Structures are given as structure tokens and as C-alpha cells.
C-alpha atoms as a PDB file:
ATOM      1  CA  MET A   1     -14.544  14.210 -13.253  1.00  0.00           C
ATOM      2  CA  LYS A   2     -12.420  13.738  -9.937  1.00  0.00           C
ATOM      3  CA  GLU A   3     -10.375  10.754  -8.837  1.00  0.00           C
ATOM      4  CA  GLU A   4      -9.745   9.779  -5.942  1.00  0.00           C
ATOM      5  CA  ILE A   5      -6.828   8.250  -3.895  1.00  0.00           C
ATOM      6  CA  MET A   6      -8.449   4.988  -1.604  1.00  0.00           C
ATOM      7  CA  LEU A   7      -6.318   3.235   0.849  1.00  0.00           C
ATOM      8  CA  VAL A   8      -5.622  -0.148  -0.311  1.00  0.00           C
ATOM      9  CA  TYR A   9      -2.603  -1.835   2.109  1.00  0.00           C
ATOM     10  CA  THR A  10      -1.102   0.107   5.664  1.00  0.00           C
ATOM     11  CA  GLY A  11       1.759  -2.082   7.129  1.00  0.00           C
ATOM     12  CA  SER A  12       5.429  -2.299   6.763  1.00  0.00           C
ATOM     13  CA  GLU A  13       8.266  -0.472   4.128  1.00  0.00           C
ATOM     14  CA  VAL A  14       9.245  -4.052   2.626  1.00  0.00           C
ATOM     15  CA  GLU A  15       5.604  -5.219   2.027  1.00  0.00           C
ATOM     16  CA  ALA A  16       4.689  -2.039   0.510  1.00  0.00           C
ATOM     17  CA  MET A  17       7.148  -1.861  -2.241  1.00  0.00           C
ATOM     18  CA  TYR A  18       6.601  -5.280  -3.205  1.00  0.00           C
ATOM     19  CA  ILE A  19       2.560  -5.097  -3.397  1.00  0.00           C
ATOM     20  CA  VAL A  20       3.294  -1.840  -5.466  1.00  0.00           C
ATOM     21  CA  GLU A  21       5.309  -4.303  -7.739  1.00  0.00           C
ATOM     22  CA  ILE A  22       2.672  -6.606  -7.695  1.00  0.00           C
ATOM     23  CA  LEU A  23       0.014  -3.543  -8.502  1.00  0.00           C
ATOM     24  CA  ASN A  24       2.652  -2.124 -11.152  1.00  0.00           C
ATOM     25  CA  GLU A  25       3.000  -5.702 -12.992  1.00  0.00           C
ATOM     26  CA  ASN A  26      -1.037  -5.692 -13.091  1.00  0.00           C
ATOM     27  CA  GLY A  27      -1.307  -2.640 -15.048  1.00  0.00           C
ATOM     28  CA  ILE A  28      -2.295  -0.259 -11.589  1.00  0.00           C
ATOM     29  CA  GLY A  29      -0.553   2.200 -10.288  1.00  0.00           C
ATOM     30  CA  ALA A  30      -0.016   2.522  -6.765  1.00  0.00           C
ATOM     31  CA  MET A  31       1.866   5.372  -4.016  1.00  0.00           C
ATOM     32  CA  LYS A  32       3.072   4.673  -1.132  1.00  0.00           C
ATOM     33  CA  HIS A  33       3.584   7.019   1.622  1.00  0.00           C
ATOM     34  CA  ASN A  34       5.673   6.661   4.607  1.00  0.00           C
ATOM     35  CA  ARG A  35       4.127   7.797   7.959  1.00  0.00           C
ATOM     36  CA  LEU A  36       6.797   6.666  10.395  1.00  0.00           C
ATOM     37  CA  ARG A  37       9.395   8.211   7.551  1.00  0.00           C
ATOM     38  CA  SER A  38       7.236  11.287   7.379  1.00  0.00           C
ATOM     39  CA  SER A  39       7.104  12.480  11.345  1.00  0.00           C
ATOM     40  CA  ILE A  40      10.854  11.614  11.829  1.00  0.00           C
ATOM     41  CA  ASP A  41      11.898  14.300   9.206  1.00  0.00           C
ATOM     42  CA  ALA A  42       8.657  16.742  10.772  1.00  0.00           C
ATOM     43  CA  GLY A  43      10.559  15.867  14.156  1.00  0.00           C
ATOM     44  CA  TRP A  44       8.740  13.013  16.005  1.00  0.00           C
ATOM     45  CA  ALA A  45       7.359   9.663  15.279  1.00  0.00           C
ATOM     46  CA  ASP A  46       4.352   8.466  14.494  1.00  0.00           C
ATOM     47  CA  GLY A  47       2.927   4.597  14.617  1.00  0.00           C
ATOM     48  CA  SER A  48       5.987   1.764  14.375  1.00  0.00           C
ATOM     49  CA  PRO A  49       7.341   0.590  11.413  1.00  0.00           C
ATOM     50  CA  GLU A  50       4.847  -2.763  11.675  1.00  0.00           C
ATOM     51  CA  ASP A  51       2.460  -0.013  10.254  1.00  0.00           C
ATOM     52  CA  ALA A  52       4.172   3.019   9.270  1.00  0.00           C
ATOM     53  CA  VAL A  53       3.740   2.374   5.215  1.00  0.00           C
ATOM     54  CA  GLN A  54       0.426   2.755   3.050  1.00  0.00           C
ATOM     55  CA  VAL A  55      -0.471   2.187  -0.524  1.00  0.00           C
ATOM     56  CA  PHE A  56      -2.946   4.244  -1.866  1.00  0.00           C
ATOM     57  CA  VAL A  57      -4.710   3.167  -5.489  1.00  0.00           C
ATOM     58  CA  GLU A  58      -6.917   5.731  -7.723  1.00  0.00           C
ATOM     59  CA  ASP A  59     -10.518   5.117  -7.088  1.00  0.00           C
ATOM     60  CA  PHE A  60     -11.225   3.011 -10.778  1.00  0.00           C
ATOM     61  CA  ASN A  61      -8.354   0.640  -9.512  1.00  0.00           C
ATOM     62  CA  PHE A  62      -9.402  -0.455  -5.954  1.00  0.00           C
ATOM     63  CA  GLU A  63     -11.422  -2.984  -6.636  1.00  0.00           C
ATOM     64  CA  LYS A  64      -9.513  -5.156  -9.293  1.00  0.00           C
ATOM     65  CA  ALA A  65      -6.180  -4.000  -6.845  1.00  0.00           C
ATOM     66  CA  SER A  66      -8.090  -5.394  -3.918  1.00  0.00           C
ATOM     67  CA  LYS A  67      -8.890  -8.970  -5.730  1.00  0.00           C
ATOM     68  CA  ILE A  68      -5.321  -9.128  -6.180  1.00  0.00           C
ATOM     69  CA  LEU A  69      -4.172  -8.233  -2.933  1.00  0.00           C
ATOM     70  CA  GLU A  70      -6.894 -10.529  -1.751  1.00  0.00           C
ATOM     71  CA  GLU A  71      -4.604 -13.476  -3.757  1.00  0.00           C
ATOM     72  CA  TYR A  72      -1.879 -12.068  -2.499  1.00  0.00           C
ATOM     73  CA  PHE A  73      -2.743 -12.559   1.061  1.00  0.00           C
ATOM     74  CA  LYS A  74      -4.215 -15.387  -0.081  1.00  0.00           C
ATOM     75  CA  SER A  75      -1.155 -17.749  -1.719  1.00  0.00           C
ATOM     76  CA  ARG A  76       1.224 -15.797   1.026  1.00  0.00           C
ATOM     77  CA  ASP A  77      -0.239 -16.988   3.988  1.00  0.00           C
ATOM     78  CA  VAL A  78      -1.153 -20.958   3.138  1.00  0.00           C
ATOM     79  CA  LYS A  79       1.588 -23.109   4.888  1.00  0.00           C
END
């Protein structure tokens, strides 16, 4: 069976690092890709710091990861 990766977050590097940590603490492996850094290394700039990083999980963890992140964003946005 071929496993796919699914995008669960796009945003800043700092928040992406925290999100990867949250997912790892919940037993979900996550991978982050910094599009801005990759493009700069290649000689051009693609994107902005606010949406430079993408976080991916394996497809079988997508639903669980989405629920965890939904709860995180709800708690973060409570004032």
C-alpha cells in the first residue's frame, strides 16, 4: 500500500516548529518544508515569511492531526 503525505499547516517557521512538536507529542510523525528557504537557496524567493513553511503528515494520520490542530488553534485564539 502506497502512503501519501497530506498538508496540515501552512504558515510561519516558528509556529510550524511548535506544530511539529505538538504532533510528535501525540504520536504523529510530521515533516516540515520551508518553501522560502528552499527557493532562496536555489537563487530566487518564493513566498513570504508568513506562509513560508508547510507541515505534512502521512495520510492515515491526517484526520487525527487535523483534530489536534483544530483544538490548538481554538485555544490559541481565545482571548
